[in-house]
Structures are given as C-alpha cells and as structure tokens.
Amino acid sequence: MPPSQPAYPTQRAFVVQLHAETDVAQSEVWGRAEHIVSGQVTYFQTVEELAQFMVHVLTSTTEPAQGG
C-alpha cells in the first residue's frame, strides 16, 4: 500500500504578504506571494492576480515522484 499523502503538501505551499495599506474590507488587496518550493515570486494588486499566479505555479511545477 502506498504511503498516504499529506493533506497540505509542501509543493503547494505559498507565503502571501499583504501590503500594510491593504484594506480587505474595501477589496483593496495588494502584496507579494512566494511559492515555497520553487522560490517563484510575484507582486499582485488584486486577488485575481494572486490566484492566477498560484494556478500558473501549480500547473507548471512537476509534482515529485512517489517513491516505491
């Protein structure tokens, strides 16, 4: 039986930092995001840009092979 995969794999980990002047209540969200494993970084000005970055990274990064 293959080992179970973690619920939160490292390959899907990001650090998201919101700018000090971000006002989430007013939908003014901007900041910086970094993919932990690859080190790819982006600056975003909308939640949509943040989501696009995450989709790009997760669909272009190869998941590590499962040992066996």
PDB file of N, CA and C in Angstrom:
ATOM      1  N   MET A   1       0.844  -1.173   0.000  1.00  0.00           N
ATOM      2  CA  MET A   1       0.000   0.000   0.000  1.00  0.00           C
ATOM      3  C   MET A   1       0.893   1.241   0.000  1.00  0.00           C
ATOM      4  N   PRO A   2       0.658   2.219  -0.930  1.00  0.00           N
ATOM      5  CA  PRO A   2       1.499   3.421  -0.978  1.00  0.00           C
ATOM      6  C   PRO A   2       1.265   4.291   0.257  1.00  0.00           C
ATOM      7  N   PRO A   3       2.309   5.005   0.670  1.00  0.00           N
ATOM      8  CA  PRO A   3       2.144   5.877   1.838  1.00  0.00           C
ATOM      9  C   PRO A   3       1.109   6.958   1.536  1.00  0.00           C
ATOM     10  N   SER A   4       0.378   7.347   2.563  1.00  0.00           N
ATOM     11  CA  SER A   4      -0.631   8.386   2.347  1.00  0.00           C
ATOM     12  C   SER A   4       0.054   9.729   2.121  1.00  0.00           C
ATOM     13  N   GLN A   5      -0.575  10.539   1.304  1.00  0.00           N
ATOM     14  CA  GLN A   5      -0.033  11.861   1.016  1.00  0.00           C
ATOM     15  C   GLN A   5      -0.520  12.838   2.076  1.00  0.00           C
ATOM     16  N   PRO A   6       0.308  13.822   2.421  1.00  0.00           N
ATOM     17  CA  PRO A   6      -0.124  14.797   3.421  1.00  0.00           C
ATOM     18  C   PRO A   6      -1.282  15.639   2.877  1.00  0.00           C
ATOM     19  N   ALA A   7      -2.119  16.087   3.765  1.00  0.00           N
ATOM     20  CA  ALA A   7      -3.255  16.924   3.370  1.00  0.00           C
ATOM     21  C   ALA A   7      -2.775  18.267   2.821  1.00  0.00           C
ATOM     22  N   TYR A   8      -1.641  18.736   3.297  1.00  0.00           N
ATOM     23  CA  TYR A   8      -1.091  20.020   2.864  1.00  0.00           C
ATOM     24  C   TYR A   8       0.343  19.829   2.386  1.00  0.00           C
ATOM     25  N   PRO A   9       0.525  19.328   1.150  1.00  0.00           N
ATOM     26  CA  PRO A   9       1.884  19.048   0.670  1.00  0.00           C
ATOM     27  C   PRO A   9       2.712  20.323   0.494  1.00  0.00           C
ATOM     28  N   THR A  10       3.978  20.205   0.772  1.00  0.00           N
ATOM     29  CA  THR A  10       4.906  21.327   0.664  1.00  0.00           C
ATOM     30  C   THR A  10       4.914  21.925  -0.742  1.00  0.00           C
ATOM     31  N   GLN A  11       4.723  21.090  -1.751  1.00  0.00           N
ATOM     32  CA  GLN A  11       4.734  21.572  -3.135  1.00  0.00           C
ATOM     33  C   GLN A  11       3.617  22.579  -3.405  1.00  0.00           C
ATOM     34  N   ARG A  12       2.639  22.661  -2.520  1.00  0.00           N
ATOM     35  CA  ARG A  12       1.522  23.587  -2.699  1.00  0.00           C
ATOM     36  C   ARG A  12       1.536  24.702  -1.662  1.00  0.00           C
ATOM     37  N   ALA A  13       2.704  24.956  -1.077  1.00  0.00           N
ATOM     38  CA  ALA A  13       2.811  25.972  -0.033  1.00  0.00           C
ATOM     39  C   ALA A  13       3.249  27.315  -0.606  1.00  0.00           C
ATOM     40  N   PHE A  14       2.581  28.354  -0.168  1.00  0.00           N
ATOM     41  CA  PHE A  14       2.883  29.729  -0.569  1.00  0.00           C
ATOM     42  C   PHE A  14       2.959  30.601   0.681  1.00  0.00           C
ATOM     43  N   VAL A  15       3.756  31.662   0.592  1.00  0.00           N
ATOM     44  CA  VAL A  15       3.728  32.717   1.594  1.00  0.00           C
ATOM     45  C   VAL A  15       3.087  33.914   0.913  1.00  0.00           C
ATOM     46  N   VAL A  16       2.076  34.477   1.544  1.00  0.00           N
ATOM     47  CA  VAL A  16       1.398  35.653   1.000  1.00  0.00           C
ATOM     48  C   VAL A  16       1.548  36.774   2.019  1.00  0.00           C
ATOM     49  N   GLN A  17       2.133  37.877   1.576  1.00  0.00           N
ATOM     50  CA  GLN A  17       2.286  39.045   2.435  1.00  0.00           C
ATOM     51  C   GLN A  17       1.427  40.164   1.859  1.00  0.00           C
ATOM     52  N   LEU A  18       0.573  40.724   2.699  1.00  0.00           N
ATOM     53  CA  LEU A  18      -0.270  41.830   2.272  1.00  0.00           C
ATOM     54  C   LEU A  18       0.400  43.145   2.638  1.00  0.00           C
ATOM     55  N   HIS A  19       0.332  44.098   1.735  1.00  0.00           N
ATOM     56  CA  HIS A  19       0.891  45.424   1.952  1.00  0.00           C
ATOM     57  C   HIS A  19       0.239  46.051   3.177  1.00  0.00           C
ATOM     58  N   ALA A  20       0.986  46.874   3.895  1.00  0.00           N
ATOM     59  CA  ALA A  20       0.484  47.493   5.125  1.00  0.00           C
ATOM     60  C   ALA A  20      -0.777  48.329   4.898  1.00  0.00           C
ATOM     61  N   GLU A  21      -0.935  48.866   3.688  1.00  0.00           N
ATOM     62  CA  GLU A  21      -2.097  49.711   3.410  1.00  0.00           C
ATOM     63  C   GLU A  21      -3.255  48.957   2.758  1.00  0.00           C
ATOM     64  N   THR A  22      -3.155  47.633   2.699  1.00  0.00           N
ATOM     65  CA  THR A  22      -4.247  46.828   2.155  1.00  0.00           C
ATOM     66  C   THR A  22      -5.497  47.029   3.006  1.00  0.00           C
ATOM     67  N   ASP A  23      -6.636  47.188   2.316  1.00  0.00           N
ATOM     68  CA  ASP A  23      -7.925  47.334   3.004  1.00  0.00           C
ATOM     69  C   ASP A  23      -8.863  46.258   2.464  1.00  0.00           C
ATOM     70  N   VAL A  24      -8.826  45.104   3.091  1.00  0.00           N
ATOM     71  CA  VAL A  24      -9.604  43.960   2.625  1.00  0.00           C
ATOM     72  C   VAL A  24     -11.094  44.298   2.594  1.00  0.00           C
ATOM     73  N   ALA A  25     -11.575  45.046   3.570  1.00  0.00           N
ATOM     74  CA  ALA A  25     -12.992  45.410   3.633  1.00  0.00           C
ATOM     75  C   ALA A  25     -13.420  46.225   2.416  1.00  0.00           C
ATOM     76  N   GLN A  26     -12.492  46.946   1.816  1.00  0.00           N
ATOM     77  CA  GLN A  26     -12.778  47.752   0.631  1.00  0.00           C
ATOM     78  C   GLN A  26     -12.330  47.060  -0.656  1.00  0.00           C
ATOM     79  N   SER A  27     -11.984  45.787  -0.555  1.00  0.00           N
ATOM     80  CA  SER A  27     -11.490  44.995  -1.691  1.00  0.00           C
ATOM     81  C   SER A  27     -10.233  45.586  -2.310  1.00  0.00           C
ATOM     82  N   GLU A  28      -9.445  46.273  -1.507  1.00  0.00           N
ATOM     83  CA  GLU A  28      -8.154  46.799  -1.946  1.00  0.00           C
ATOM     84  C   GLU A  28      -7.080  45.886  -1.378  1.00  0.00           C
ATOM     85  N   VAL A  29      -6.683  44.909  -2.197  1.00  0.00           N
ATOM     86  CA  VAL A  29      -5.742  43.892  -1.739  1.00  0.00           C
ATOM     87  C   VAL A  29      -4.533  43.896  -2.657  1.00  0.00           C
ATOM     88  N   TRP A  30      -3.375  44.149  -2.101  1.00  0.00           N
ATOM     89  CA  TRP A  30      -2.160  44.014  -2.890  1.00  0.00           C
ATOM     90  C   TRP A  30      -1.039  43.545  -1.980  1.00  0.00           C
ATOM     91  N   GLY A  31      -0.046  42.925  -2.628  1.00  0.00           N
ATOM     92  CA  GLY A  31       1.061  42.400  -1.835  1.00  0.00           C
ATOM     93  C   GLY A  31       2.005  41.563  -2.652  1.00  0.00           C
ATOM     94  N   ARG A  32       2.590  40.594  -1.986  1.00  0.00           N
ATOM     95  CA  ARG A  32       3.644  39.754  -2.549  1.00  0.00           C
ATOM     96  C   ARG A  32       3.332  38.304  -2.215  1.00  0.00           C
ATOM     97  N   ALA A  33       3.609  37.411  -3.158  1.00  0.00           N
ATOM     98  CA  ALA A  33       3.418  35.981  -2.917  1.00  0.00           C
ATOM     99  C   ALA A  33       4.660  35.238  -3.379  1.00  0.00           C
ATOM    100  N   GLU A  34       5.034  34.210  -2.624  1.00  0.00           N
ATOM    101  CA  GLU A  34       6.194  33.387  -2.965  1.00  0.00           C
ATOM    102  C   GLU A  34       5.824  31.919  -2.837  1.00  0.00           C
ATOM    103  N   HIS A  35       6.172  31.146  -3.857  1.00  0.00           N
ATOM    104  CA  HIS A  35       5.992  29.703  -3.811  1.00  0.00           C
ATOM    105  C   HIS A  35       7.180  29.133  -3.052  1.00  0.00           C
ATOM    106  N   ILE A  36       6.922  28.412  -1.982  1.00  0.00           N
ATOM    107  CA  ILE A  36       7.977  27.953  -1.079  1.00  0.00           C
ATOM    108  C   ILE A  36       8.992  27.046  -1.764  1.00  0.00           C
ATOM    109  N   VAL A  37       8.546  26.078  -2.531  1.00  0.00           N
ATOM    110  CA  VAL A  37       9.455  25.092  -3.107  1.00  0.00           C
ATOM    111  C   VAL A  37      10.297  25.678  -4.241  1.00  0.00           C
ATOM    112  N   SER A  38       9.675  26.404  -5.163  1.00  0.00           N
ATOM    113  CA  SER A  38      10.401  26.907  -6.338  1.00  0.00           C
ATOM    114  C   SER A  38      11.049  28.267  -6.114  1.00  0.00           C
ATOM    115  N   GLY A  39      10.549  29.018  -5.146  1.00  0.00           N
ATOM    116  CA  GLY A  39      11.072  30.359  -4.911  1.00  0.00           C
ATOM    117  C   GLY A  39      10.518  31.405  -5.855  1.00  0.00           C
ATOM    118  N   GLN A  40       9.580  31.025  -6.718  1.00  0.00           N
ATOM    119  CA  GLN A  40       8.978  31.994  -7.632  1.00  0.00           C
ATOM    120  C   GLN A  40       8.224  33.049  -6.822  1.00  0.00           C
ATOM    121  N   VAL A  41       8.363  34.306  -7.245  1.00  0.00           N
ATOM    122  CA  VAL A  41       7.755  35.424  -6.530  1.00  0.00           C
ATOM    123  C   VAL A  41       6.958  36.275  -7.500  1.00  0.00           C
ATOM    124  N   THR A  42       5.864  36.826  -7.002  1.00  0.00           N
ATOM    125  CA  THR A  42       5.113  37.799  -7.779  1.00  0.00           C
ATOM    126  C   THR A  42       4.591  38.873  -6.852  1.00  0.00           C
ATOM    127  N   TYR A  43       4.313  40.027  -7.414  1.00  0.00           N
ATOM    128  CA  TYR A  43       3.616  41.093  -6.710  1.00  0.00           C
ATOM    129  C   TYR A  43       2.249  41.192  -7.349  1.00  0.00           C
ATOM    130  N   PHE A  44       1.222  41.335  -6.556  1.00  0.00           N
ATOM    131  CA  PHE A  44      -0.133  41.362  -7.084  1.00  0.00           C
ATOM    132  C   PHE A  44      -0.879  42.582  -6.562  1.00  0.00           C
ATOM    133  N   GLN A  45      -1.879  42.998  -7.343  1.00  0.00           N
ATOM    134  CA  GLN A  45      -2.693  44.149  -6.966  1.00  0.00           C
ATOM    135  C   GLN A  45      -4.161  43.789  -6.804  1.00  0.00           C
ATOM    136  N   THR A  46      -4.485  42.532  -7.107  1.00  0.00           N
ATOM    137  CA  THR A  46      -5.856  42.045  -6.942  1.00  0.00           C
ATOM    138  C   THR A  46      -5.814  40.590  -6.496  1.00  0.00           C
ATOM    139  N   VAL A  47      -6.893  40.138  -5.914  1.00  0.00           N
ATOM    140  CA  VAL A  47      -6.997  38.727  -5.540  1.00  0.00           C
ATOM    141  C   VAL A  47      -6.927  37.856  -6.788  1.00  0.00           C
ATOM    142  N   GLU A  48      -7.470  38.350  -7.895  1.00  0.00           N
ATOM    143  CA  GLU A  48      -7.434  37.595  -9.147  1.00  0.00           C
ATOM    144  C   GLU A  48      -6.000  37.380  -9.619  1.00  0.00           C
ATOM    145  N   GLU A  49      -5.154  38.407  -9.506  1.00  0.00           N
ATOM    146  CA  GLU A  49      -3.753  38.251  -9.888  1.00  0.00           C
ATOM    147  C   GLU A  49      -3.049  37.237  -8.988  1.00  0.00           C
ATOM    148  N   LEU A  50      -3.360  37.248  -7.706  1.00  0.00           N
ATOM    149  CA  LEU A  50      -2.800  36.263  -6.784  1.00  0.00           C
ATOM    150  C   LEU A  50      -3.217  34.861  -7.195  1.00  0.00           C
ATOM    151  N   ALA A  51      -4.489  34.675  -7.482  1.00  0.00           N
ATOM    152  CA  ALA A  51      -4.991  33.354  -7.887  1.00  0.00           C
ATOM    153  C   ALA A  51      -4.350  32.909  -9.202  1.00  0.00           C
ATOM    154  N   GLN A  52      -4.185  33.826 -10.150  1.00  0.00           N
ATOM    155  CA  GLN A  52      -3.556  33.480 -11.426  1.00  0.00           C
ATOM    156  C   GLN A  52      -2.124  33.006 -11.214  1.00  0.00           C
ATOM    157  N   PHE A  53      -1.394  33.658 -10.335  1.00  0.00           N
ATOM    158  CA  PHE A  53      -0.026  33.246 -10.031  1.00  0.00           C
ATOM    159  C   PHE A  53      -0.015  31.832  -9.462  1.00  0.00           C
ATOM    160  N   MET A  54      -0.898  31.574  -8.513  1.00  0.00           N
ATOM    161  CA  MET A  54      -0.955  30.250  -7.900  1.00  0.00           C
ATOM    162  C   MET A  54      -1.300  29.175  -8.916  1.00  0.00           C
ATOM    163  N   VAL A  55      -2.260  29.449  -9.774  1.00  0.00           N
ATOM    164  CA  VAL A  55      -2.630  28.491 -10.817  1.00  0.00           C
ATOM    165  C   VAL A  55      -1.439  28.240 -11.737  1.00  0.00           C
ATOM    166  N   HIS A  56      -0.770  29.313 -12.145  1.00  0.00           N
ATOM    167  CA  HIS A  56       0.392  29.173 -13.034  1.00  0.00           C
ATOM    168  C   HIS A  56       1.465  28.297 -12.392  1.00  0.00           C
ATOM    169  N   VAL A  57       1.810  28.580 -11.148  1.00  0.00           N
ATOM    170  CA  VAL A  57       2.855  27.816 -10.470  1.00  0.00           C
ATOM    171  C   VAL A  57       2.449  26.358 -10.314  1.00  0.00           C
ATOM    172  N   LEU A  58       1.230  26.129  -9.863  1.00  0.00           N
ATOM    173  CA  LEU A  58       0.802  24.751  -9.589  1.00  0.00           C
ATOM    174  C   LEU A  58       0.605  23.920 -10.838  1.00  0.00           C
ATOM    175  N   THR A  59       0.326  24.559 -11.964  1.00  0.00           N
ATOM    176  CA  THR A  59       0.150  23.786 -13.199  1.00  0.00           C
ATOM    177  C   THR A  59       1.442  23.656 -13.986  1.00  0.00           C
ATOM    178  N   SER A  60       2.469  24.441 -13.637  1.00  0.00           N
ATOM    179  CA  SER A  60       3.732  24.335 -14.362  1.00  0.00           C
ATOM    180  C   SER A  60       4.823  23.655 -13.538  1.00  0.00           C
ATOM    181  N   THR A  61       4.541  23.345 -12.291  1.00  0.00           N
ATOM    182  CA  THR A  61       5.501  22.681 -11.417  1.00  0.00           C
ATOM    183  C   THR A  61       5.215  21.192 -11.399  1.00  0.00           C
ATOM    184  N   THR A  62       6.230  20.422 -11.634  1.00  0.00           N
ATOM    185  CA  THR A  62       6.081  18.960 -11.622  1.00  0.00           C
ATOM    186  C   THR A  62       6.032  18.471 -10.192  1.00  0.00           C
ATOM    187  N   GLU A  63       5.026  17.687  -9.873  1.00  0.00           N
ATOM    188  CA  GLU A  63       4.935  17.073  -8.550  1.00  0.00           C
ATOM    189  C   GLU A  63       6.066  16.054  -8.427  1.00  0.00           C
ATOM    190  N   PRO A  64       6.675  15.922  -7.255  1.00  0.00           N
ATOM    191  CA  PRO A  64       7.759  14.937  -7.095  1.00  0.00           C
ATOM    192  C   PRO A  64       7.224  13.518  -7.276  1.00  0.00           C
ATOM    193  N   ALA A  65       8.092  12.683  -7.791  1.00  0.00           N
ATOM    194  CA  ALA A  65       7.706  11.274  -7.999  1.00  0.00           C
ATOM    195  C   ALA A  65       7.477  10.596  -6.667  1.00  0.00           C
ATOM    196  N   GLN A  66       6.502   9.727  -6.626  1.00  0.00           N
ATOM    197  CA  GLN A  66       6.215   8.960  -5.416  1.00  0.00           C
ATOM    198  C   GLN A  66       7.223   7.818  -5.333  1.00  0.00           C
ATOM    199  N   GLY A  67       7.863   7.688  -4.206  1.00  0.00           N
ATOM    200  CA  GLY A  67       8.867   6.629  -4.025  1.00  0.00           C
ATOM    201  C   GLY A  67       8.228   5.253  -4.031  1.00  0.00           C
ATOM    202  N   GLY A  68       8.996   4.268  -4.398  1.00  0.00           N
ATOM    203  CA  GLY A  68       8.405   2.951  -4.428  1.00  0.00           C
ATOM    204  C   GLY A  68       9.368   1.830  -4.442  1.00  0.00           C
TER     205      GLY A  68
END
